[in-house]
């Protein structure tokens, strides 16, 4: 009996088409978002302990490497958010009677809520 044929795939197969690349970047972005959640968790622990441990951690977060990491995490978080909002309208179609609501009508309120909440958080922390 013959063995089944499995074509050889390069490790960069996902770079061949834009949708595959965006999918893989979105999946990779989840790793960075999880890493940022861990940074925030450690920050919460340091705030609870207070004193020198908090000051040392804040000094660590202020290093150039960590600032660069935060910039990368921010870019991946924006990518994660945008792809999530755009996929939501396709994954959960909303019907009004016999007519399907246009995807932009489902996605737009998410972006508006994101902008409003971001502005409120910015006002809270910058004022």
PDB file of N, CA and C in Angstrom:
ATOM      1  N   UNK A   1       0.842  -1.185   0.000  1.00  0.00           N
ATOM      2  CA  UNK A   1       0.000   0.000   0.000  1.00  0.00           C
ATOM      3  C   UNK A   1       0.889   1.252   0.000  1.00  0.00           C
ATOM      4  N   UNK A   2       0.510   2.218  -0.796  1.00  0.00           N
ATOM      5  CA  UNK A   2       1.274   3.449  -0.904  1.00  0.00           C
ATOM      6  C   UNK A   2       0.961   4.389   0.250  1.00  0.00           C
ATOM      7  N   UNK A   3       1.966   5.169   0.592  1.00  0.00           N
ATOM      8  CA  UNK A   3       1.756   6.191   1.614  1.00  0.00           C
ATOM      9  C   UNK A   3       1.118   7.421   0.968  1.00  0.00           C
ATOM     10  N   UNK A   4       0.315   8.167   1.731  1.00  0.00           N
ATOM     11  CA  UNK A   4      -0.300   9.369   1.155  1.00  0.00           C
ATOM     12  C   UNK A   4       0.754  10.433   0.848  1.00  0.00           C
ATOM     13  N   UNK A   5       0.438  11.238  -0.146  1.00  0.00           N
ATOM     14  CA  UNK A   5       1.339  12.305  -0.558  1.00  0.00           C
ATOM     15  C   UNK A   5       1.075  13.552   0.276  1.00  0.00           C
ATOM     16  N   UNK A   6       2.103  14.062   0.917  1.00  0.00           N
ATOM     17  CA  UNK A   6       2.023  15.307   1.661  1.00  0.00           C
ATOM     18  C   UNK A   6       2.974  16.303   1.019  1.00  0.00           C
ATOM     19  N   UNK A   7       2.435  17.331   0.367  1.00  0.00           N
ATOM     20  CA  UNK A   7       3.336  18.283  -0.295  1.00  0.00           C
ATOM     21  C   UNK A   7       4.187  19.031   0.735  1.00  0.00           C
ATOM     22  N   UNK A   8       5.403  19.328   0.364  1.00  0.00           N
ATOM     23  CA  UNK A   8       6.299  20.057   1.252  1.00  0.00           C
ATOM     24  C   UNK A   8       5.924  21.537   1.212  1.00  0.00           C
ATOM     25  N   UNK A   9       5.819  22.114   2.406  1.00  0.00           N
ATOM     26  CA  UNK A   9       5.492  23.533   2.499  1.00  0.00           C
ATOM     27  C   UNK A   9       6.653  24.264   3.154  1.00  0.00           C
ATOM     28  N   UNK A  10       6.949  25.427   2.628  1.00  0.00           N
ATOM     29  CA  UNK A  10       7.984  26.257   3.233  1.00  0.00           C
ATOM     30  C   UNK A  10       7.447  26.866   4.527  1.00  0.00           C
ATOM     31  N   UNK A  11       8.353  27.246   5.390  1.00  0.00           N
ATOM     32  CA  UNK A  11       7.956  27.885   6.650  1.00  0.00           C
ATOM     33  C   UNK A  11       7.322  29.256   6.410  1.00  0.00           C
ATOM     34  N   UNK A  12       7.557  29.828   5.256  1.00  0.00           N
ATOM     35  CA  UNK A  12       7.024  31.160   4.952  1.00  0.00           C
ATOM     36  C   UNK A  12       5.800  31.096   4.039  1.00  0.00           C
ATOM     37  N   UNK A  13       5.066  29.999   4.053  1.00  0.00           N
ATOM     38  CA  UNK A  13       3.900  29.842   3.181  1.00  0.00           C
ATOM     39  C   UNK A  13       2.877  30.944   3.395  1.00  0.00           C
ATOM     40  N   UNK A  14       2.800  31.447   4.608  1.00  0.00           N
ATOM     41  CA  UNK A  14       1.779  32.439   4.940  1.00  0.00           C
ATOM     42  C   UNK A  14       2.129  33.823   4.408  1.00  0.00           C
ATOM     43  N   UNK A  15       3.319  34.010   3.903  1.00  0.00           N
ATOM     44  CA  UNK A  15       3.697  35.291   3.312  1.00  0.00           C
ATOM     45  C   UNK A  15       3.278  35.398   1.851  1.00  0.00           C
ATOM     46  N   UNK A  16       2.750  34.330   1.272  1.00  0.00           N
ATOM     47  CA  UNK A  16       2.404  34.305  -0.147  1.00  0.00           C
ATOM     48  C   UNK A  16       1.165  35.145  -0.469  1.00  0.00           C
ATOM     49  N   UNK A  17       0.225  35.193   0.464  1.00  0.00           N
ATOM     50  CA  UNK A  17      -1.020  35.937   0.212  1.00  0.00           C
ATOM     51  C   UNK A  17      -1.314  36.853   1.390  1.00  0.00           C
ATOM     52  N   UNK A  18      -1.828  38.037   1.083  1.00  0.00           N
ATOM     53  CA  UNK A  18      -2.081  39.047   2.117  1.00  0.00           C
ATOM     54  C   UNK A  18      -3.045  38.564   3.199  1.00  0.00           C
ATOM     55  N   UNK A  19      -4.166  37.900   2.875  1.00  0.00           N
ATOM     56  CA  UNK A  19      -5.055  37.439   3.951  1.00  0.00           C
ATOM     57  C   UNK A  19      -4.372  36.472   4.915  1.00  0.00           C
ATOM     58  N   UNK A  20      -3.511  35.611   4.389  1.00  0.00           N
ATOM     59  CA  UNK A  20      -2.784  34.685   5.264  1.00  0.00           C
ATOM     60  C   UNK A  20      -1.820  35.444   6.172  1.00  0.00           C
ATOM     61  N   UNK A  21      -1.152  36.450   5.599  1.00  0.00           N
ATOM     62  CA  UNK A  21      -0.207  37.240   6.380  1.00  0.00           C
ATOM     63  C   UNK A  21      -0.925  37.988   7.497  1.00  0.00           C
ATOM     64  N   UNK A  22      -2.058  38.605   7.172  1.00  0.00           N
ATOM     65  CA  UNK A  22      -2.821  39.315   8.209  1.00  0.00           C
ATOM     66  C   UNK A  22      -3.312  38.364   9.284  1.00  0.00           C
ATOM     67  N   UNK A  23      -3.734  37.171   8.880  1.00  0.00           N
ATOM     68  CA  UNK A  23      -4.187  36.186   9.856  1.00  0.00           C
ATOM     69  C   UNK A  23      -3.059  35.804  10.812  1.00  0.00           C
ATOM     70  N   UNK A  24      -1.884  35.527  10.263  1.00  0.00           N
ATOM     71  CA  UNK A  24      -0.759  35.129  11.104  1.00  0.00           C
ATOM     72  C   UNK A  24      -0.295  36.278  12.003  1.00  0.00           C
ATOM     73  N   UNK A  25      -0.305  37.503  11.483  1.00  0.00           N
ATOM     74  CA  UNK A  25       0.058  38.648  12.323  1.00  0.00           C
ATOM     75  C   UNK A  25      -0.955  38.865  13.434  1.00  0.00           C
ATOM     76  N   UNK A  26      -2.229  38.621  13.133  1.00  0.00           N
ATOM     77  CA  UNK A  26      -3.249  38.751  14.174  1.00  0.00           C
ATOM     78  C   UNK A  26      -3.037  37.715  15.262  1.00  0.00           C
ATOM     79  N   UNK A  27      -2.717  36.498  14.869  1.00  0.00           N
ATOM     80  CA  UNK A  27      -2.452  35.457  15.861  1.00  0.00           C
ATOM     81  C   UNK A  27      -1.211  35.792  16.677  1.00  0.00           C
ATOM     82  N   UNK A  28      -0.185  36.327  16.023  1.00  0.00           N
ATOM     83  CA  UNK A  28       1.021  36.732  16.734  1.00  0.00           C
ATOM     84  C   UNK A  28       0.737  37.894  17.681  1.00  0.00           C
ATOM     85  N   UNK A  29      -0.165  38.762  17.290  1.00  0.00           N
ATOM     86  CA  UNK A  29      -0.488  39.910  18.139  1.00  0.00           C
ATOM     87  C   UNK A  29      -1.075  39.475  19.473  1.00  0.00           C
ATOM     88  N   UNK A  30      -1.739  38.335  19.504  1.00  0.00           N
ATOM     89  CA  UNK A  30      -2.300  37.843  20.762  1.00  0.00           C
ATOM     90  C   UNK A  30      -1.195  37.549  21.769  1.00  0.00           C
ATOM     91  N   UNK A  31      -0.046  37.113  21.298  1.00  0.00           N
ATOM     92  CA  UNK A  31       1.083  36.844  22.195  1.00  0.00           C
ATOM     93  C   UNK A  31       1.548  38.148  22.846  1.00  0.00           C
ATOM     94  N   UNK A  32       1.637  39.205  22.053  1.00  0.00           N
ATOM     95  CA  UNK A  32       2.077  40.488  22.592  1.00  0.00           C
ATOM     96  C   UNK A  32       1.035  41.091  23.542  1.00  0.00           C
ATOM     97  N   UNK A  33      -0.228  40.935  23.229  1.00  0.00           N
ATOM     98  CA  UNK A  33      -1.281  41.427  24.119  1.00  0.00           C
ATOM     99  C   UNK A  33      -1.237  40.661  25.442  1.00  0.00           C
ATOM    100  N   UNK A  34      -1.016  39.361  25.392  1.00  0.00           N
ATOM    101  CA  UNK A  34      -0.895  38.561  26.616  1.00  0.00           C
ATOM    102  C   UNK A  34       0.345  38.981  27.409  1.00  0.00           C
ATOM    103  N   UNK A  35       1.435  39.261  26.706  1.00  0.00           N
ATOM    104  CA  UNK A  35       2.638  39.734  27.394  1.00  0.00           C
ATOM    105  C   UNK A  35       2.411  41.051  28.100  1.00  0.00           C
ATOM    106  N   UNK A  36       1.661  41.937  27.478  1.00  0.00           N
ATOM    107  CA  UNK A  36       1.351  43.212  28.121  1.00  0.00           C
ATOM    108  C   UNK A  36       0.459  43.002  29.342  1.00  0.00           C
ATOM    109  N   UNK A  37      -0.463  42.055  29.243  1.00  0.00           N
ATOM    110  CA  UNK A  37      -1.296  41.743  30.403  1.00  0.00           C
ATOM    111  C   UNK A  37      -0.430  41.260  31.571  1.00  0.00           C
ATOM    112  N   UNK A  38       0.592  40.480  31.277  1.00  0.00           N
ATOM    113  CA  UNK A  38       1.499  40.036  32.336  1.00  0.00           C
ATOM    114  C   UNK A  38       2.272  41.212  32.936  1.00  0.00           C
ATOM    115  N   UNK A  39       2.719  42.148  32.084  1.00  0.00           N
ATOM    116  CA  UNK A  39       3.386  43.339  32.602  1.00  0.00           C
ATOM    117  C   UNK A  39       2.472  44.125  33.541  1.00  0.00           C
ATOM    118  N   UNK A  40       1.207  44.239  33.170  1.00  0.00           N
ATOM    119  CA  UNK A  40       0.253  44.945  34.031  1.00  0.00           C
ATOM    120  C   UNK A  40      -0.014  44.182  35.328  1.00  0.00           C
ATOM    121  N   UNK A  41      -0.060  42.862  35.243  1.00  0.00           N
ATOM    122  CA  UNK A  41      -0.251  42.048  36.441  1.00  0.00           C
ATOM    123  C   UNK A  41       0.909  42.231  37.408  1.00  0.00           C
ATOM    124  N   UNK A  42       2.128  42.213  36.880  1.00  0.00           N
ATOM    125  CA  UNK A  42       3.297  42.434  37.728  1.00  0.00           C
ATOM    126  C   UNK A  42       3.264  43.841  38.314  1.00  0.00           C
ATOM    127  N   UNK A  43       2.844  44.813  37.527  1.00  0.00           N
ATOM    128  CA  UNK A  43       2.725  46.178  38.041  1.00  0.00           C
ATOM    129  C   UNK A  43       1.738  46.237  39.199  1.00  0.00           C
ATOM    130  N   UNK A  44       0.608  45.545  39.063  1.00  0.00           N
ATOM    131  CA  UNK A  44      -0.364  45.512  40.164  1.00  0.00           C
ATOM    132  C   UNK A  44       0.224  44.902  41.426  1.00  0.00           C
ATOM    133  N   UNK A  45       1.019  43.851  41.277  1.00  0.00           N
ATOM    134  CA  UNK A  45       1.662  43.224  42.438  1.00  0.00           C
ATOM    135  C   UNK A  45       2.655  44.188  43.073  1.00  0.00           C
ATOM    136  N   UNK A  46       3.416  44.889  42.236  1.00  0.00           N
ATOM    137  CA  UNK A  46       4.402  45.852  42.751  1.00  0.00           C
ATOM    138  C   UNK A  46       3.718  47.024  43.448  1.00  0.00           C
ATOM    139  N   UNK A  47       2.579  47.479  42.926  1.00  0.00           N
ATOM    140  CA  UNK A  47       1.829  48.551  43.584  1.00  0.00           C
ATOM    141  C   UNK A  47       1.342  48.070  44.947  1.00  0.00           C
ATOM    142  N   UNK A  48       0.894  46.830  45.022  1.00  0.00           N
ATOM    143  CA  UNK A  48       0.421  46.269  46.290  1.00  0.00           C
ATOM    144  C   UNK A  48       1.555  46.218  47.314  1.00  0.00           C
ATOM    145  N   UNK A  49       2.746  45.808  46.873  1.00  0.00           N
ATOM    146  CA  UNK A  49       3.889  45.730  47.781  1.00  0.00           C
ATOM    147  C   UNK A  49       4.415  47.119  48.119  1.00  0.00           C
ATOM    148  N   UNK A  50       4.380  48.020  47.124  1.00  0.00           N
ATOM    149  CA  UNK A  50       4.777  49.403  47.330  1.00  0.00           C
ATOM    150  C   UNK A  50       6.266  49.576  47.582  1.00  0.00           C
ATOM    151  N   UNK A  51       6.637  50.782  47.979  1.00  0.00           N
ATOM    152  CA  UNK A  51       8.010  51.084  48.373  1.00  0.00           C
ATOM    153  C   UNK A  51       9.030  50.934  47.271  1.00  0.00           C
ATOM    154  N   UNK A  52      10.154  50.320  47.650  1.00  0.00           N
ATOM    155  CA  UNK A  52      11.289  50.202  46.734  1.00  0.00           C
ATOM    156  C   UNK A  52      11.008  49.264  45.567  1.00  0.00           C
ATOM    157  N   UNK A  53      10.176  48.244  45.788  1.00  0.00           N
ATOM    158  CA  UNK A  53       9.902  47.313  44.691  1.00  0.00           C
ATOM    159  C   UNK A  53       9.151  48.012  43.562  1.00  0.00           C
ATOM    160  N   UNK A  54       8.213  48.898  43.913  1.00  0.00           N
ATOM    161  CA  UNK A  54       7.483  49.643  42.895  1.00  0.00           C
ATOM    162  C   UNK A  54       8.417  50.593  42.158  1.00  0.00           C
ATOM    163  N   UNK A  55       9.256  51.296  42.894  1.00  0.00           N
ATOM    164  CA  UNK A  55      10.192  52.237  42.263  1.00  0.00           C
ATOM    165  C   UNK A  55      11.156  51.509  41.331  1.00  0.00           C
ATOM    166  N   UNK A  56      11.634  50.347  41.741  1.00  0.00           N
ATOM    167  CA  UNK A  56      12.558  49.579  40.892  1.00  0.00           C
ATOM    168  C   UNK A  56      11.851  49.094  39.627  1.00  0.00           C
ATOM    169  N   UNK A  57      10.610  48.661  39.757  1.00  0.00           N
ATOM    170  CA  UNK A  57       9.875  48.187  38.584  1.00  0.00           C
ATOM    171  C   UNK A  57       9.574  49.335  37.624  1.00  0.00           C
ATOM    172  N   UNK A  58       9.217  50.491  38.173  1.00  0.00           N
ATOM    173  CA  UNK A  58       8.967  51.654  37.316  1.00  0.00           C
ATOM    174  C   UNK A  58      10.246  52.092  36.602  1.00  0.00           C
ATOM    175  N   UNK A  59      11.387  52.002  37.286  1.00  0.00           N
ATOM    176  CA  UNK A  59      12.664  52.297  36.633  1.00  0.00           C
ATOM    177  C   UNK A  59      12.934  51.293  35.512  1.00  0.00           C
ATOM    178  N   UNK A  60      12.610  50.013  35.755  1.00  0.00           N
ATOM    179  CA  UNK A  60      12.773  48.979  34.731  1.00  0.00           C
ATOM    180  C   UNK A  60      11.887  49.260  33.525  1.00  0.00           C
ATOM    181  N   UNK A  61      10.655  49.690  33.770  1.00  0.00           N
ATOM    182  CA  UNK A  61       9.733  49.990  32.664  1.00  0.00           C
ATOM    183  C   UNK A  61      10.169  51.216  31.876  1.00  0.00           C
ATOM    184  N   UNK A  62      11.007  52.056  32.472  1.00  0.00           N
ATOM    185  CA  UNK A  62      11.441  53.290  31.826  1.00  0.00           C
ATOM    186  C   UNK A  62      12.717  53.117  31.001  1.00  0.00           C
ATOM    187  N   UNK A  63      13.216  51.911  30.908  1.00  0.00           N
ATOM    188  CA  UNK A  63      14.427  51.667  30.114  1.00  0.00           C
ATOM    189  C   UNK A  63      14.091  51.727  28.621  1.00  0.00           C
ATOM    190  N   UNK A  64      15.067  52.047  27.775  1.00  0.00           N
ATOM    191  CA  UNK A  64      14.801  52.139  26.329  1.00  0.00           C
ATOM    192  C   UNK A  64      14.259  50.846  25.728  1.00  0.00           C
ATOM    193  N   UNK A  65      14.744  49.711  26.182  1.00  0.00           N
ATOM    194  CA  UNK A  65      14.254  48.433  25.661  1.00  0.00           C
ATOM    195  C   UNK A  65      12.786  48.212  25.968  1.00  0.00           C
ATOM    196  N   UNK A  66      12.396  48.552  27.184  1.00  0.00           N
ATOM    197  CA  UNK A  66      10.983  48.378  27.557  1.00  0.00           C
ATOM    198  C   UNK A  66      10.102  49.391  26.842  1.00  0.00           C
ATOM    199  N   UNK A  67      10.599  50.593  26.636  1.00  0.00           N
ATOM    200  CA  UNK A  67       9.817  51.580  25.890  1.00  0.00           C
ATOM    201  C   UNK A  67       9.622  51.124  24.443  1.00  0.00           C
ATOM    202  N   UNK A  68      10.664  50.537  23.848  1.00  0.00           N
ATOM    203  CA  UNK A  68      10.540  50.000  22.491  1.00  0.00           C
ATOM    204  C   UNK A  68       9.549  48.836  22.478  1.00  0.00           C
ATOM    205  N   UNK A  69       9.618  47.974  23.497  1.00  0.00           N
ATOM    206  CA  UNK A  69       8.677  46.862  23.591  1.00  0.00           C
ATOM    207  C   UNK A  69       7.244  47.366  23.722  1.00  0.00           C
ATOM    208  N   UNK A  70       7.047  48.419  24.499  1.00  0.00           N
ATOM    209  CA  UNK A  70       5.704  48.999  24.626  1.00  0.00           C
ATOM    210  C   UNK A  70       5.204  49.543  23.291  1.00  0.00           C
ATOM    211  N   UNK A  71       6.088  50.140  22.502  1.00  0.00           N
ATOM    212  CA  UNK A  71       5.684  50.637  21.185  1.00  0.00           C
ATOM    213  C   UNK A  71       5.277  49.481  20.277  1.00  0.00           C
ATOM    214  N   UNK A  72       6.040  48.388  20.313  1.00  0.00           N
ATOM    215  CA  UNK A  72       5.701  47.212  19.503  1.00  0.00           C
ATOM    216  C   UNK A  72       4.382  46.613  19.978  1.00  0.00           C
ATOM    217  N   UNK A  73       4.212  46.524  21.279  1.00  0.00           N
ATOM    218  CA  UNK A  73       2.963  45.980  21.833  1.00  0.00           C
ATOM    219  C   UNK A  73       1.783  46.856  21.423  1.00  0.00           C
ATOM    220  N   UNK A  74       1.968  48.171  21.428  1.00  0.00           N
ATOM    221  CA  UNK A  74       0.893  49.073  21.031  1.00  0.00           C
ATOM    222  C   UNK A  74       0.488  48.836  19.574  1.00  0.00           C
ATOM    223  N   UNK A  75       1.472  48.685  18.699  1.00  0.00           N
ATOM    224  CA  UNK A  75       1.170  48.434  17.284  1.00  0.00           C
ATOM    225  C   UNK A  75       0.400  47.125  17.120  1.00  0.00           C
ATOM    226  N   UNK A  76       0.851  46.083  17.814  1.00  0.00           N
ATOM    227  CA  UNK A  76       0.154  44.800  17.733  1.00  0.00           C
ATOM    228  C   UNK A  76      -1.234  44.873  18.367  1.00  0.00           C
ATOM    229  N   UNK A  77      -1.396  45.664  19.428  1.00  0.00           N
ATOM    230  CA  UNK A  77      -2.711  45.813  20.057  1.00  0.00           C
ATOM    231  C   UNK A  77      -3.688  46.516  19.106  1.00  0.00           C
ATOM    232  N   UNK A  78      -3.203  47.521  18.379  1.00  0.00           N
ATOM    233  CA  UNK A  78      -4.053  48.203  17.397  1.00  0.00           C
ATOM    234  C   UNK A  78      -4.434  47.231  16.279  1.00  0.00           C
ATOM    235  N   UNK A  79      -3.460  46.460  15.789  1.00  0.00           N
ATOM    236  CA  UNK A  79      -3.752  45.462  14.760  1.00  0.00           C
ATOM    237  C   UNK A  79      -4.776  44.452  15.263  1.00  0.00           C
ATOM    238  N   UNK A  80      -4.607  43.993  16.491  1.00  0.00           N
ATOM    239  CA  UNK A  80      -5.528  43.018  17.080  1.00  0.00           C
ATOM    240  C   UNK A  80      -6.940  43.602  17.171  1.00  0.00           C
ATOM    241  N   UNK A  81      -7.035  44.846  17.610  1.00  0.00           N
ATOM    242  CA  UNK A  81      -8.337  45.502  17.749  1.00  0.00           C
ATOM    243  C   UNK A  81      -9.013  45.691  16.398  1.00  0.00           C
ATOM    244  N   UNK A  82      -8.278  46.200  15.422  1.00  0.00           N
ATOM    245  CA  UNK A  82      -8.847  46.467  14.096  1.00  0.00           C
ATOM    246  C   UNK A  82      -9.315  45.170  13.446  1.00  0.00           C
ATOM    247  N   UNK A  83      -8.493  44.135  13.499  1.00  0.00           N
ATOM    248  CA  UNK A  83      -8.898  42.874  12.866  1.00  0.00           C
ATOM    249  C   UNK A  83     -10.068  42.232  13.600  1.00  0.00           C
ATOM    250  N   UNK A  84     -10.125  42.409  14.912  1.00  0.00           N
ATOM    251  CA  UNK A  84     -11.255  41.867  15.670  1.00  0.00           C
ATOM    252  C   UNK A  84     -12.541  42.596  15.287  1.00  0.00           C
ATOM    253  N   UNK A  85     -12.502  43.913  15.262  1.00  0.00           N
ATOM    254  CA  UNK A  85     -13.695  44.680  14.901  1.00  0.00           C
ATOM    255  C   UNK A  85     -14.154  44.347  13.488  1.00  0.00           C
ATOM    256  N   UNK A  86     -13.213  44.227  12.557  1.00  0.00           N
ATOM    257  CA  UNK A  86     -13.584  43.935  11.175  1.00  0.00           C
ATOM    258  C   UNK A  86     -14.121  42.522  11.006  1.00  0.00           C
ATOM    259  N   UNK A  87     -13.633  41.575  11.767  1.00  0.00           N
ATOM    260  CA  UNK A  87     -14.124  40.206  11.637  1.00  0.00           C
ATOM    261  C   UNK A  87     -15.463  40.008  12.343  1.00  0.00           C
ATOM    262  N   UNK A  88     -15.772  40.857  13.303  1.00  0.00           N
ATOM    263  CA  UNK A  88     -17.017  40.705  14.055  1.00  0.00           C
ATOM    264  C   UNK A  88     -18.239  40.802  13.156  1.00  0.00           C
ATOM    265  N   UNK A  89     -18.224  41.748  12.234  1.00  0.00           N
ATOM    266  CA  UNK A  89     -19.380  41.940  11.348  1.00  0.00           C
ATOM    267  C   UNK A  89     -19.581  40.744  10.423  1.00  0.00           C
ATOM    268  N   UNK A  90     -18.493  40.045  10.101  1.00  0.00           N
ATOM    269  CA  UNK A  90     -18.607  38.878   9.230  1.00  0.00           C
ATOM    270  C   UNK A  90     -19.013  37.635  10.012  1.00  0.00           C
ATOM    271  N   UNK A  91     -18.540  37.535  11.241  1.00  0.00           N
ATOM    272  CA  UNK A  91     -18.812  36.344  12.051  1.00  0.00           C
ATOM    273  C   UNK A  91     -20.220  36.363  12.645  1.00  0.00           C
ATOM    274  N   UNK A  92     -20.725  37.550  12.950  1.00  0.00           N
ATOM    275  CA  UNK A  92     -22.045  37.678  13.570  1.00  0.00           C
ATOM    276  C   UNK A  92     -22.903  38.590  12.703  1.00  0.00           C
ATOM    277  N   UNK A  93     -23.464  38.062  11.637  1.00  0.00           N
ATOM    278  CA  UNK A  93     -24.304  38.918  10.784  1.00  0.00           C
ATOM    279  C   UNK A  93     -25.592  39.298  11.519  1.00  0.00           C
ATOM    280  N   UNK A  94     -25.964  40.539  11.386  1.00  0.00           N
ATOM    281  CA  UNK A  94     -27.180  41.031  12.036  1.00  0.00           C
ATOM    282  C   UNK A  94     -28.230  41.270  10.952  1.00  0.00           C
ATOM    283  N   UNK A  95     -29.403  40.725  11.182  1.00  0.00           N
ATOM    284  CA  UNK A  95     -30.487  40.818  10.210  1.00  0.00           C
ATOM    285  C   UNK A  95     -31.550  41.772  10.721  1.00  0.00           C
ATOM    286  N   UNK A  96     -32.060  42.587   9.815  1.00  0.00           N
ATOM    287  CA  UNK A  96     -33.206  43.456  10.093  1.00  0.00           C
ATOM    288  C   UNK A  96     -34.301  43.006   9.143  1.00  0.00           C
ATOM    289  N   UNK A  97     -35.174  42.151   9.671  1.00  0.00           N
ATOM    290  CA  UNK A  97     -36.192  41.556   8.822  1.00  0.00           C
ATOM    291  C   UNK A  97     -35.543  40.573   7.874  1.00  0.00           C
ATOM    292  N   UNK A  98     -35.757  40.771   6.589  1.00  0.00           N
ATOM    293  CA  UNK A  98     -35.174  39.908   5.571  1.00  0.00           C
ATOM    294  C   UNK A  98     -33.843  40.435   5.042  1.00  0.00           C
ATOM    295  N   UNK A  99     -33.447  41.613   5.503  1.00  0.00           N
ATOM    296  CA  UNK A  99     -32.255  42.261   4.979  1.00  0.00           C
ATOM    297  C   UNK A  99     -31.105  42.186   5.982  1.00  0.00           C
ATOM    298  N   UNK A 100     -29.940  41.817   5.468  1.00  0.00           N
ATOM    299  CA  UNK A 100     -28.751  41.757   6.315  1.00  0.00           C
ATOM    300  C   UNK A 100     -28.152  43.158   6.445  1.00  0.00           C
ATOM    301  N   UNK A 101     -27.826  43.526   7.671  1.00  0.00           N
ATOM    302  CA  UNK A 101     -27.237  44.832   7.928  1.00  0.00           C
ATOM    303  C   UNK A 101     -25.838  44.891   7.311  1.00  0.00           C
ATOM    304  N   UNK A 102     -25.510  46.005   6.690  1.00  0.00           N
ATOM    305  CA  UNK A 102     -24.193  46.166   6.064  1.00  0.00           C
ATOM    306  C   UNK A 102     -23.100  46.032   7.124  1.00  0.00           C
ATOM    307  N   UNK A 103     -21.984  45.373   6.779  1.00  0.00           N
ATOM    308  CA  UNK A 103     -20.919  45.164   7.775  1.00  0.00           C
ATOM    309  C   UNK A 103     -20.393  46.458   8.394  1.00  0.00           C
ATOM    310  N   UNK A 104     -20.338  47.538   7.633  1.00  0.00           N
ATOM    311  CA  UNK A 104     -19.815  48.780   8.193  1.00  0.00           C
ATOM    312  C   UNK A 104     -20.742  49.345   9.264  1.00  0.00           C
ATOM    313  N   UNK A 105     -22.049  49.040   9.168  1.00  0.00           N
ATOM    314  CA  UNK A 105     -22.994  49.514  10.182  1.00  0.00           C
ATOM    315  C   UNK A 105     -22.831  48.760  11.494  1.00  0.00           C
ATOM    316  N   UNK A 106     -22.250  47.576  11.433  1.00  0.00           N
ATOM    317  CA  UNK A 106     -21.967  46.815  12.645  1.00  0.00           C
ATOM    318  C   UNK A 106     -20.606  47.228  13.211  1.00  0.00           C
ATOM    319  N   UNK A 107     -19.666  47.504  12.332  1.00  0.00           N
ATOM    320  CA  UNK A 107     -18.302  47.813  12.749  1.00  0.00           C
ATOM    321  C   UNK A 107     -18.153  49.246  13.252  1.00  0.00           C
ATOM    322  N   UNK A 108     -18.822  50.192  12.625  1.00  0.00           N
ATOM    323  CA  UNK A 108     -18.669  51.603  12.977  1.00  0.00           C
ATOM    324  C   UNK A 108     -18.961  51.903  14.449  1.00  0.00           C
ATOM    325  N   UNK A 109     -20.042  51.378  15.046  1.00  0.00           N
ATOM    326  CA  UNK A 109     -20.264  51.669  16.474  1.00  0.00           C
ATOM    327  C   UNK A 109     -19.125  51.177  17.372  1.00  0.00           C
ATOM    328  N   UNK A 110     -18.457  50.099  16.983  1.00  0.00           N
ATOM    329  CA  UNK A 110     -17.313  49.624  17.761  1.00  0.00           C
ATOM    330  C   UNK A 110     -16.177  50.641  17.740  1.00  0.00           C
ATOM    331  N   UNK A 111     -15.899  51.191  16.561  1.00  0.00           N
ATOM    332  CA  UNK A 111     -14.841  52.193  16.463  1.00  0.00           C
ATOM    333  C   UNK A 111     -15.212  53.475  17.208  1.00  0.00           C
ATOM    334  N   UNK A 112     -16.470  53.871  17.133  1.00  0.00           N
ATOM    335  CA  UNK A 112     -16.916  55.069  17.858  1.00  0.00           C
ATOM    336  C   UNK A 112     -16.763  54.850  19.364  1.00  0.00           C
ATOM    337  N   UNK A 113     -17.189  53.687  19.849  1.00  0.00           N
ATOM    338  CA  UNK A 113     -17.045  53.381  21.280  1.00  0.00           C
ATOM    339  C   UNK A 113     -15.570  53.355  21.670  1.00  0.00           C
ATOM    340  N   UNK A 114     -14.713  52.794  20.819  1.00  0.00           N
ATOM    341  CA  UNK A 114     -13.283  52.763  21.103  1.00  0.00           C
ATOM    342  C   UNK A 114     -12.722  54.175  21.222  1.00  0.00           C
ATOM    343  N   UNK A 115     -13.084  55.060  20.293  1.00  0.00           N
ATOM    344  CA  UNK A 115     -12.585  56.431  20.338  1.00  0.00           C
ATOM    345  C   UNK A 115     -13.096  57.185  21.564  1.00  0.00           C
ATOM    346  N   UNK A 116     -14.376  57.013  21.887  1.00  0.00           N
ATOM    347  CA  UNK A 116     -14.946  57.709  23.047  1.00  0.00           C
ATOM    348  C   UNK A 116     -14.286  57.223  24.340  1.00  0.00           C
ATOM    349  N   UNK A 117     -14.170  55.914  24.499  1.00  0.00           N
ATOM    350  CA  UNK A 117     -13.557  55.378  25.711  1.00  0.00           C
ATOM    351  C   UNK A 117     -12.075  55.736  25.798  1.00  0.00           C
ATOM    352  N   UNK A 118     -11.381  55.741  24.665  1.00  0.00           N
ATOM    353  CA  UNK A 118      -9.971  56.137  24.669  1.00  0.00           C
ATOM    354  C   UNK A 118      -9.821  57.597  25.068  1.00  0.00           C
ATOM    355  N   UNK A 119     -10.720  58.440  24.577  1.00  0.00           N
ATOM    356  CA  UNK A 119     -10.670  59.860  24.957  1.00  0.00           C
ATOM    357  C   UNK A 119     -10.960  60.042  26.448  1.00  0.00           C
ATOM    358  N   UNK A 120     -11.903  59.277  26.978  1.00  0.00           N
ATOM    359  CA  UNK A 120     -12.196  59.369  28.417  1.00  0.00           C
ATOM    360  C   UNK A 120     -11.011  58.914  29.261  1.00  0.00           C
ATOM    361  N   UNK A 121     -10.369  57.847  28.866  1.00  0.00           N
ATOM    362  CA  UNK A 121      -9.203  57.367  29.610  1.00  0.00           C
ATOM    363  C   UNK A 121      -8.072  58.387  29.497  1.00  0.00           C
ATOM    364  N   UNK A 122      -7.866  58.953  28.319  1.00  0.00           N
ATOM    365  CA  UNK A 122      -6.829  59.962  28.138  1.00  0.00           C
ATOM    366  C   UNK A 122      -7.103  61.192  29.003  1.00  0.00           C
ATOM    367  N   UNK A 123      -8.353  61.607  29.056  1.00  0.00           N
ATOM    368  CA  UNK A 123      -8.705  62.747  29.927  1.00  0.00           C
ATOM    369  C   UNK A 123      -8.468  62.421  31.392  1.00  0.00           C
ATOM    370  N   UNK A 124      -8.786  61.213  31.769  1.00  0.00           N
ATOM    371  CA  UNK A 124      -8.639  60.789  33.160  1.00  0.00           C
ATOM    372  C   UNK A 124      -7.175  60.808  33.582  1.00  0.00           C
ATOM    373  N   UNK A 125      -6.285  60.344  32.722  1.00  0.00           N
ATOM    374  CA  UNK A 125      -4.884  60.222  33.091  1.00  0.00           C
ATOM    375  C   UNK A 125      -4.023  61.408  32.699  1.00  0.00           C
ATOM    376  N   UNK A 126      -4.472  62.218  31.754  1.00  0.00           N
ATOM    377  CA  UNK A 126      -3.635  63.332  31.315  1.00  0.00           C
ATOM    378  C   UNK A 126      -4.033  64.656  31.930  1.00  0.00           C
ATOM    379  N   UNK A 127      -5.181  64.711  32.559  1.00  0.00           N
ATOM    380  CA  UNK A 127      -5.619  65.974  33.165  1.00  0.00           C
ATOM    381  C   UNK A 127      -5.364  65.969  34.641  1.00  0.00           C
TER     382      UNK A 127
END
